[in-house]
Amino acid sequence: MITLEEAILMGINAPRSHQRIIMQLSGELYFLYKKQKTITLEPLSETMLDEDKTSPTPDIILSNNETYETPVIIEVTRTRSVKADLKKVKALIHADDYGIVEGFVYDYNLNRWHKYHREKGDITDNPSFCEAINLDLATLL
């Protein structure tokens, strides 16, 4: 049996507006990864962080297929859920199980990005910039 906290971490939010943003970000990132080959991390939507056991599934992960690490996660949310998703991102980064360095939360109602970095904490200056792929994620929407 899983705890309420584990259920919240694994929960899926799937309204159409939410899924559209995930699709748009994933599609643009996949084009950069597969076609243009300008980023080296593969974007995957709603994918488990640990394929060997039940684990959280962020909205988008950026995966390093050579090291089997996931240095970046992205959560897409509405304004009322930003705080909870930031808490989730921070917990996953500090869990140390997944190797996550950068976590993003995108509030599609306010078109606002939030970023948390493992070593630097909350990032307020250019919070949509992903260091791992040297790209401003806001340019993809």
N, C-alpha and C. Protein backbone atom coordinates (compact mmCIF):
# COMPACT_ATOMS: atom_id res chain seq x y z
N MET A 1 0.83 -1.17 0.00
CA MET A 1 0.00 0.00 0.00
C MET A 1 0.89 1.25 0.00
N ILE A 2 0.49 2.24 -0.79
CA ILE A 2 1.28 3.47 -0.85
C ILE A 2 0.70 4.53 0.08
N THR A 3 1.55 5.46 0.50
CA THR A 3 1.10 6.53 1.38
C THR A 3 0.43 7.62 0.54
N LEU A 4 -0.27 8.53 1.21
CA LEU A 4 -0.90 9.66 0.53
C LEU A 4 0.16 10.51 -0.17
N GLU A 5 1.29 10.72 0.50
CA GLU A 5 2.38 11.51 -0.09
C GLU A 5 2.88 10.85 -1.38
N GLU A 6 3.04 9.53 -1.36
CA GLU A 6 3.48 8.83 -2.56
C GLU A 6 2.44 8.93 -3.67
N ALA A 7 1.18 8.85 -3.31
CA ALA A 7 0.11 8.97 -4.31
C ALA A 7 0.12 10.35 -4.94
N ILE A 8 0.35 11.38 -4.14
CA ILE A 8 0.41 12.74 -4.67
C ILE A 8 1.58 12.88 -5.63
N LEU A 9 2.72 12.32 -5.27
CA LEU A 9 3.90 12.39 -6.14
C LEU A 9 3.68 11.67 -7.46
N MET A 10 2.88 10.61 -7.45
CA MET A 10 2.66 9.82 -8.65
C MET A 10 1.42 10.24 -9.41
N GLY A 11 0.61 11.12 -8.83
CA GLY A 11 -0.66 11.49 -9.43
C GLY A 11 -0.51 12.12 -10.80
N ILE A 12 -1.53 12.00 -11.62
CA ILE A 12 -1.53 12.56 -12.97
C ILE A 12 -2.62 13.60 -13.08
N ASN A 13 -2.26 14.75 -13.58
CA ASN A 13 -3.19 15.83 -13.83
C ASN A 13 -3.36 15.89 -15.34
N ALA A 14 -4.54 15.65 -15.86
CA ALA A 14 -4.67 15.48 -17.30
C ALA A 14 -5.75 16.30 -17.99
N PRO A 15 -6.06 17.53 -17.53
CA PRO A 15 -6.99 18.33 -18.32
C PRO A 15 -6.39 18.60 -19.70
N ARG A 16 -7.24 18.88 -20.66
CA ARG A 16 -6.75 19.09 -22.03
C ARG A 16 -5.78 20.25 -22.13
N SER A 17 -6.05 21.35 -21.44
CA SER A 17 -5.15 22.50 -21.50
C SER A 17 -3.76 22.14 -20.97
N HIS A 18 -3.73 21.33 -19.93
CA HIS A 18 -2.49 20.84 -19.34
C HIS A 18 -1.74 19.95 -20.34
N GLN A 19 -2.46 19.02 -20.94
CA GLN A 19 -1.84 18.08 -21.89
C GLN A 19 -1.34 18.80 -23.15
N ARG A 20 -2.03 19.86 -23.57
CA ARG A 20 -1.58 20.63 -24.74
C ARG A 20 -0.20 21.23 -24.51
N ILE A 21 0.00 21.79 -23.33
CA ILE A 21 1.29 22.40 -23.01
C ILE A 21 2.37 21.32 -22.95
N ILE A 22 2.06 20.20 -22.33
CA ILE A 22 3.03 19.09 -22.26
C ILE A 22 3.39 18.65 -23.69
N MET A 23 2.38 18.50 -24.54
CA MET A 23 2.62 18.07 -25.92
C MET A 23 3.47 19.08 -26.67
N GLN A 24 3.15 20.36 -26.50
CA GLN A 24 3.90 21.40 -27.21
C GLN A 24 5.37 21.42 -26.76
N LEU A 25 5.60 21.42 -25.45
CA LEU A 25 6.97 21.40 -24.95
C LEU A 25 7.71 20.14 -25.38
N SER A 26 7.07 19.00 -25.21
CA SER A 26 7.71 17.72 -25.58
C SER A 26 8.02 17.68 -27.07
N GLY A 27 7.08 18.12 -27.89
CA GLY A 27 7.28 18.10 -29.34
C GLY A 27 8.43 18.98 -29.77
N GLU A 28 8.48 20.19 -29.24
CA GLU A 28 9.57 21.11 -29.59
C GLU A 28 10.91 20.57 -29.11
N LEU A 29 10.94 20.05 -27.88
CA LEU A 29 12.18 19.48 -27.35
C LEU A 29 12.61 18.25 -28.14
N TYR A 30 11.64 17.41 -28.54
CA TYR A 30 11.97 16.22 -29.31
C TYR A 30 12.53 16.58 -30.68
N PHE A 31 11.99 17.62 -31.29
CA PHE A 31 12.51 18.09 -32.58
C PHE A 31 13.97 18.51 -32.42
N LEU A 32 14.27 19.23 -31.35
CA LEU A 32 15.66 19.67 -31.10
C LEU A 32 16.57 18.48 -30.83
N TYR A 33 16.04 17.46 -30.17
CA TYR A 33 16.82 16.27 -29.83
C TYR A 33 17.03 15.35 -31.03
N LYS A 34 15.95 14.99 -31.70
CA LYS A 34 16.00 13.97 -32.74
C LYS A 34 16.35 14.51 -34.12
N LYS A 35 15.74 15.62 -34.50
CA LYS A 35 15.92 16.14 -35.86
C LYS A 35 17.11 17.09 -35.97
N GLN A 36 17.14 18.10 -35.10
CA GLN A 36 18.21 19.09 -35.19
C GLN A 36 19.47 18.66 -34.44
N LYS A 37 19.31 17.75 -33.48
CA LYS A 37 20.42 17.25 -32.67
C LYS A 37 21.18 18.39 -31.98
N THR A 38 20.41 19.38 -31.50
CA THR A 38 21.02 20.51 -30.79
C THR A 38 20.97 20.35 -29.28
N ILE A 39 20.22 19.36 -28.79
CA ILE A 39 20.25 19.02 -27.37
C ILE A 39 20.56 17.53 -27.25
N THR A 40 21.18 17.15 -26.14
CA THR A 40 21.60 15.76 -25.98
C THR A 40 20.74 14.97 -25.01
N LEU A 41 19.76 15.62 -24.41
CA LEU A 41 18.87 14.93 -23.48
C LEU A 41 17.54 14.64 -24.16
N GLU A 42 17.07 13.42 -24.06
CA GLU A 42 15.82 13.02 -24.70
C GLU A 42 14.62 13.41 -23.85
N PRO A 43 13.67 14.15 -24.44
CA PRO A 43 12.45 14.50 -23.70
C PRO A 43 11.46 13.34 -23.74
N LEU A 44 10.88 13.04 -22.60
CA LEU A 44 9.86 12.00 -22.50
C LEU A 44 8.73 12.51 -21.62
N SER A 45 7.51 12.28 -22.03
CA SER A 45 6.34 12.74 -21.28
C SER A 45 5.79 11.64 -20.39
N GLU A 46 5.37 12.05 -19.19
CA GLU A 46 4.70 11.13 -18.25
C GLU A 46 5.45 9.80 -18.13
N THR A 47 6.76 9.88 -17.92
CA THR A 47 7.62 8.70 -17.87
C THR A 47 8.16 8.50 -16.46
N MET A 48 8.17 7.27 -16.01
CA MET A 48 8.67 6.95 -14.67
C MET A 48 10.14 7.34 -14.55
N LEU A 49 10.51 7.84 -13.38
CA LEU A 49 11.90 8.19 -13.14
C LEU A 49 12.77 6.95 -12.95
N ASP A 50 12.19 5.88 -12.45
CA ASP A 50 12.92 4.63 -12.24
C ASP A 50 12.13 3.51 -12.92
N GLU A 51 12.66 2.99 -14.00
CA GLU A 51 11.94 1.97 -14.77
C GLU A 51 11.89 0.61 -14.08
N ASP A 52 12.69 0.44 -13.03
CA ASP A 52 12.75 -0.85 -12.36
C ASP A 52 11.73 -1.00 -11.23
N LYS A 53 11.06 0.10 -10.87
CA LYS A 53 10.08 0.01 -9.79
C LYS A 53 9.08 1.16 -9.93
N THR A 54 7.99 1.06 -9.22
CA THR A 54 7.01 2.14 -9.22
C THR A 54 7.70 3.40 -8.75
N SER A 55 7.56 4.45 -9.54
CA SER A 55 8.22 5.71 -9.19
C SER A 55 7.42 6.88 -9.74
N PRO A 56 7.73 8.09 -9.28
CA PRO A 56 7.03 9.27 -9.77
C PRO A 56 7.18 9.44 -11.28
N THR A 57 6.20 10.09 -11.88
CA THR A 57 6.20 10.35 -13.32
C THR A 57 5.97 11.85 -13.56
N PRO A 58 7.04 12.64 -13.59
CA PRO A 58 6.87 14.06 -13.90
C PRO A 58 6.24 14.24 -15.27
N ASP A 59 5.69 15.43 -15.51
CA ASP A 59 5.05 15.69 -16.79
C ASP A 59 6.05 15.50 -17.94
N ILE A 60 7.25 16.01 -17.79
CA ILE A 60 8.30 15.84 -18.80
C ILE A 60 9.62 15.60 -18.08
N ILE A 61 10.38 14.64 -18.58
CA ILE A 61 11.75 14.46 -18.09
C ILE A 61 12.68 14.65 -19.27
N LEU A 62 13.89 15.09 -18.98
CA LEU A 62 14.95 15.14 -19.98
C LEU A 62 15.97 14.12 -19.54
N SER A 63 16.11 13.07 -20.34
CA SER A 63 16.87 11.90 -19.95
C SER A 63 18.18 11.79 -20.72
N ASN A 64 19.23 11.42 -20.00
CA ASN A 64 20.52 11.13 -20.61
C ASN A 64 20.57 9.62 -20.84
N ASN A 65 20.48 9.20 -22.09
CA ASN A 65 20.40 7.78 -22.40
C ASN A 65 21.75 7.07 -22.33
N GLU A 66 22.83 7.81 -22.17
CA GLU A 66 24.14 7.19 -22.00
C GLU A 66 24.43 6.88 -20.54
N THR A 67 24.00 7.79 -19.65
CA THR A 67 24.27 7.60 -18.22
C THR A 67 23.05 7.09 -17.46
N TYR A 68 21.91 7.04 -18.14
CA TYR A 68 20.64 6.62 -17.52
C TYR A 68 20.25 7.53 -16.35
N GLU A 69 20.59 8.79 -16.48
CA GLU A 69 20.22 9.77 -15.47
C GLU A 69 19.16 10.70 -16.04
N THR A 70 18.45 11.36 -15.15
CA THR A 70 17.42 12.33 -15.53
C THR A 70 17.77 13.66 -14.85
N PRO A 71 18.58 14.49 -15.50
CA PRO A 71 19.00 15.73 -14.85
C PRO A 71 17.95 16.83 -14.79
N VAL A 72 16.86 16.71 -15.58
CA VAL A 72 15.87 17.79 -15.63
C VAL A 72 14.46 17.20 -15.60
N ILE A 73 13.59 17.84 -14.79
CA ILE A 73 12.17 17.51 -14.80
C ILE A 73 11.37 18.80 -14.98
N ILE A 74 10.20 18.66 -15.60
CA ILE A 74 9.31 19.80 -15.82
C ILE A 74 7.90 19.40 -15.41
N GLU A 75 7.29 20.23 -14.59
CA GLU A 75 5.89 20.05 -14.23
C GLU A 75 5.09 21.19 -14.84
N VAL A 76 3.94 20.88 -15.39
CA VAL A 76 3.04 21.87 -16.00
C VAL A 76 1.80 21.93 -15.12
N THR A 77 1.40 23.15 -14.76
CA THR A 77 0.32 23.27 -13.80
C THR A 77 -0.45 24.57 -13.95
N ARG A 78 -1.52 24.66 -13.19
CA ARG A 78 -2.30 25.90 -13.10
C ARG A 78 -1.87 26.65 -11.85
N THR A 79 -2.24 27.90 -11.78
CA THR A 79 -1.81 28.80 -10.70
C THR A 79 -2.03 28.22 -9.30
N ARG A 80 -3.18 27.65 -9.06
CA ARG A 80 -3.50 27.15 -7.71
C ARG A 80 -2.62 25.97 -7.29
N SER A 81 -1.98 25.30 -8.23
CA SER A 81 -1.18 24.12 -7.90
C SER A 81 0.33 24.37 -7.94
N VAL A 82 0.74 25.59 -8.22
CA VAL A 82 2.17 25.88 -8.33
C VAL A 82 2.91 25.51 -7.05
N LYS A 83 2.40 25.92 -5.92
CA LYS A 83 3.07 25.67 -4.65
C LYS A 83 3.27 24.16 -4.41
N ALA A 84 2.24 23.38 -4.66
CA ALA A 84 2.33 21.93 -4.46
C ALA A 84 3.32 21.30 -5.44
N ASP A 85 3.31 21.77 -6.69
CA ASP A 85 4.23 21.20 -7.68
C ASP A 85 5.67 21.60 -7.39
N LEU A 86 5.90 22.81 -6.89
CA LEU A 86 7.25 23.19 -6.49
C LEU A 86 7.74 22.32 -5.34
N LYS A 87 6.86 22.03 -4.41
CA LYS A 87 7.21 21.15 -3.29
C LYS A 87 7.58 19.75 -3.82
N LYS A 88 6.80 19.27 -4.78
CA LYS A 88 7.07 17.96 -5.40
C LYS A 88 8.42 17.96 -6.10
N VAL A 89 8.69 19.00 -6.88
CA VAL A 89 9.96 19.11 -7.61
C VAL A 89 11.14 19.11 -6.64
N LYS A 90 11.04 19.91 -5.60
CA LYS A 90 12.13 20.00 -4.62
C LYS A 90 12.35 18.65 -3.93
N ALA A 91 11.26 17.97 -3.58
CA ALA A 91 11.38 16.66 -2.93
C ALA A 91 12.06 15.66 -3.85
N LEU A 92 11.70 15.66 -5.13
CA LEU A 92 12.31 14.73 -6.07
C LEU A 92 13.79 15.04 -6.28
N ILE A 93 14.13 16.32 -6.35
CA ILE A 93 15.53 16.70 -6.53
C ILE A 93 16.37 16.26 -5.33
N HIS A 94 15.84 16.45 -4.14
CA HIS A 94 16.60 16.11 -2.94
C HIS A 94 16.48 14.64 -2.54
N ALA A 95 15.66 13.87 -3.24
CA ALA A 95 15.54 12.45 -2.94
C ALA A 95 16.84 11.72 -3.24
N ASP A 96 17.65 12.26 -4.14
CA ASP A 96 18.95 11.69 -4.51
C ASP A 96 18.84 10.37 -5.28
N ASP A 97 17.66 9.85 -5.46
CA ASP A 97 17.49 8.59 -6.16
C ASP A 97 17.56 8.75 -7.68
N TYR A 98 17.32 9.94 -8.17
CA TYR A 98 17.11 10.10 -9.60
C TYR A 98 18.14 10.97 -10.30
N GLY A 99 19.01 11.65 -9.57
CA GLY A 99 20.05 12.47 -10.19
C GLY A 99 19.53 13.76 -10.80
N ILE A 100 18.38 14.24 -10.36
CA ILE A 100 17.80 15.46 -10.92
C ILE A 100 18.57 16.66 -10.38
N VAL A 101 18.93 17.57 -11.28
CA VAL A 101 19.65 18.78 -10.90
C VAL A 101 18.75 20.01 -11.03
N GLU A 102 17.96 20.07 -12.11
CA GLU A 102 17.10 21.21 -12.37
C GLU A 102 15.64 20.76 -12.43
N GLY A 103 14.78 21.51 -11.77
CA GLY A 103 13.35 21.23 -11.82
C GLY A 103 12.58 22.50 -12.16
N PHE A 104 11.63 22.37 -13.08
CA PHE A 104 10.84 23.51 -13.53
C PHE A 104 9.37 23.27 -13.26
N VAL A 105 8.66 24.35 -12.95
CA VAL A 105 7.21 24.33 -12.85
C VAL A 105 6.72 25.46 -13.73
N TYR A 106 5.86 25.11 -14.68
CA TYR A 106 5.30 26.13 -15.58
C TYR A 106 3.82 26.33 -15.26
N ASP A 107 3.47 27.55 -14.91
CA ASP A 107 2.08 27.94 -14.64
C ASP A 107 1.49 28.48 -15.94
N TYR A 108 0.66 27.66 -16.60
CA TYR A 108 0.15 28.07 -17.91
C TYR A 108 -0.96 29.11 -17.81
N ASN A 109 -1.56 29.29 -16.66
CA ASN A 109 -2.55 30.36 -16.51
C ASN A 109 -1.89 31.74 -16.54
N LEU A 110 -0.77 31.86 -15.87
CA LEU A 110 -0.07 33.14 -15.78
C LEU A 110 1.14 33.23 -16.70
N ASN A 111 1.40 32.15 -17.46
CA ASN A 111 2.58 32.11 -18.34
C ASN A 111 3.84 32.45 -17.53
N ARG A 112 3.99 31.78 -16.40
CA ARG A 112 5.10 32.06 -15.49
C ARG A 112 5.87 30.77 -15.19
N TRP A 113 7.18 30.87 -15.28
CA TRP A 113 8.07 29.75 -14.98
C TRP A 113 8.64 29.88 -13.57
N HIS A 114 8.87 28.74 -12.95
CA HIS A 114 9.54 28.66 -11.65
C HIS A 114 10.63 27.61 -11.80
N LYS A 115 11.77 27.86 -11.17
CA LYS A 115 12.88 26.92 -11.29
C LYS A 115 13.52 26.68 -9.93
N TYR A 116 13.89 25.42 -9.73
CA TYR A 116 14.65 25.04 -8.54
C TYR A 116 15.87 24.24 -9.00
N HIS A 117 17.03 24.60 -8.45
CA HIS A 117 18.30 23.95 -8.80
C HIS A 117 18.86 23.28 -7.55
N ARG A 118 19.37 22.08 -7.70
CA ARG A 118 19.86 21.31 -6.56
C ARG A 118 20.85 22.11 -5.70
N GLU A 119 21.85 22.73 -6.31
CA GLU A 119 22.86 23.46 -5.54
C GLU A 119 22.50 24.93 -5.28
N LYS A 120 21.72 25.52 -6.15
CA LYS A 120 21.46 26.96 -6.08
C LYS A 120 20.12 27.33 -5.45
N GLY A 121 19.25 26.37 -5.26
CA GLY A 121 17.94 26.64 -4.67
C GLY A 121 16.98 27.26 -5.67
N ASP A 122 16.08 28.11 -5.18
CA ASP A 122 15.11 28.77 -6.05
C ASP A 122 15.82 29.76 -6.96
N ILE A 123 15.49 29.71 -8.24
CA ILE A 123 16.08 30.60 -9.24
C ILE A 123 15.00 31.58 -9.68
N THR A 124 15.23 32.86 -9.44
CA THR A 124 14.24 33.87 -9.82
C THR A 124 14.69 34.67 -11.04
N ASP A 125 15.99 34.67 -11.34
CA ASP A 125 16.50 35.37 -12.51
C ASP A 125 16.49 34.42 -13.69
N ASN A 126 15.64 34.70 -14.67
CA ASN A 126 15.48 33.86 -15.86
C ASN A 126 15.12 32.41 -15.48
N PRO A 127 14.01 32.20 -14.79
CA PRO A 127 13.65 30.88 -14.29
C PRO A 127 13.24 29.86 -15.35
N SER A 128 13.17 30.25 -16.60
CA SER A 128 12.84 29.29 -17.65
C SER A 128 14.09 28.78 -18.38
N PHE A 129 15.27 29.24 -17.96
CA PHE A 129 16.49 28.82 -18.64
C PHE A 129 16.99 27.50 -18.08
N CYS A 130 17.15 26.52 -18.96
CA CYS A 130 17.63 25.19 -18.58
C CYS A 130 19.11 25.08 -18.90
N GLU A 131 19.91 25.02 -17.85
CA GLU A 131 21.36 24.93 -18.02
C GLU A 131 21.78 23.63 -18.69
N ALA A 132 21.12 22.55 -18.39
CA ALA A 132 21.51 21.23 -18.91
C ALA A 132 21.48 21.16 -20.44
N ILE A 133 20.58 21.93 -21.05
CA ILE A 133 20.50 21.92 -22.52
C ILE A 133 20.76 23.31 -23.12
N ASN A 134 21.14 24.26 -22.26
CA ASN A 134 21.47 25.62 -22.70
C ASN A 134 20.36 26.22 -23.55
N LEU A 135 19.14 26.21 -22.98
CA LEU A 135 17.97 26.65 -23.72
C LEU A 135 16.94 27.30 -22.80
N ASP A 136 16.37 28.39 -23.25
CA ASP A 136 15.28 29.03 -22.52
C ASP A 136 13.99 28.32 -22.92
N LEU A 137 13.41 27.55 -22.00
CA LEU A 137 12.23 26.75 -22.28
C LEU A 137 11.04 27.61 -22.69
N ALA A 138 11.00 28.86 -22.23
CA ALA A 138 9.89 29.75 -22.57
C ALA A 138 9.82 30.01 -24.08
N THR A 139 10.93 29.89 -24.77
CA THR A 139 10.93 30.13 -26.22
C THR A 139 10.22 29.03 -26.98
N LEU A 140 9.90 27.93 -26.33
CA LEU A 140 9.26 26.79 -26.98
C LEU A 140 7.74 26.89 -26.98
N LEU A 141 7.20 27.84 -26.23
CA LEU A 141 5.74 27.98 -26.10
C LEU A 141 5.25 29.23 -26.81
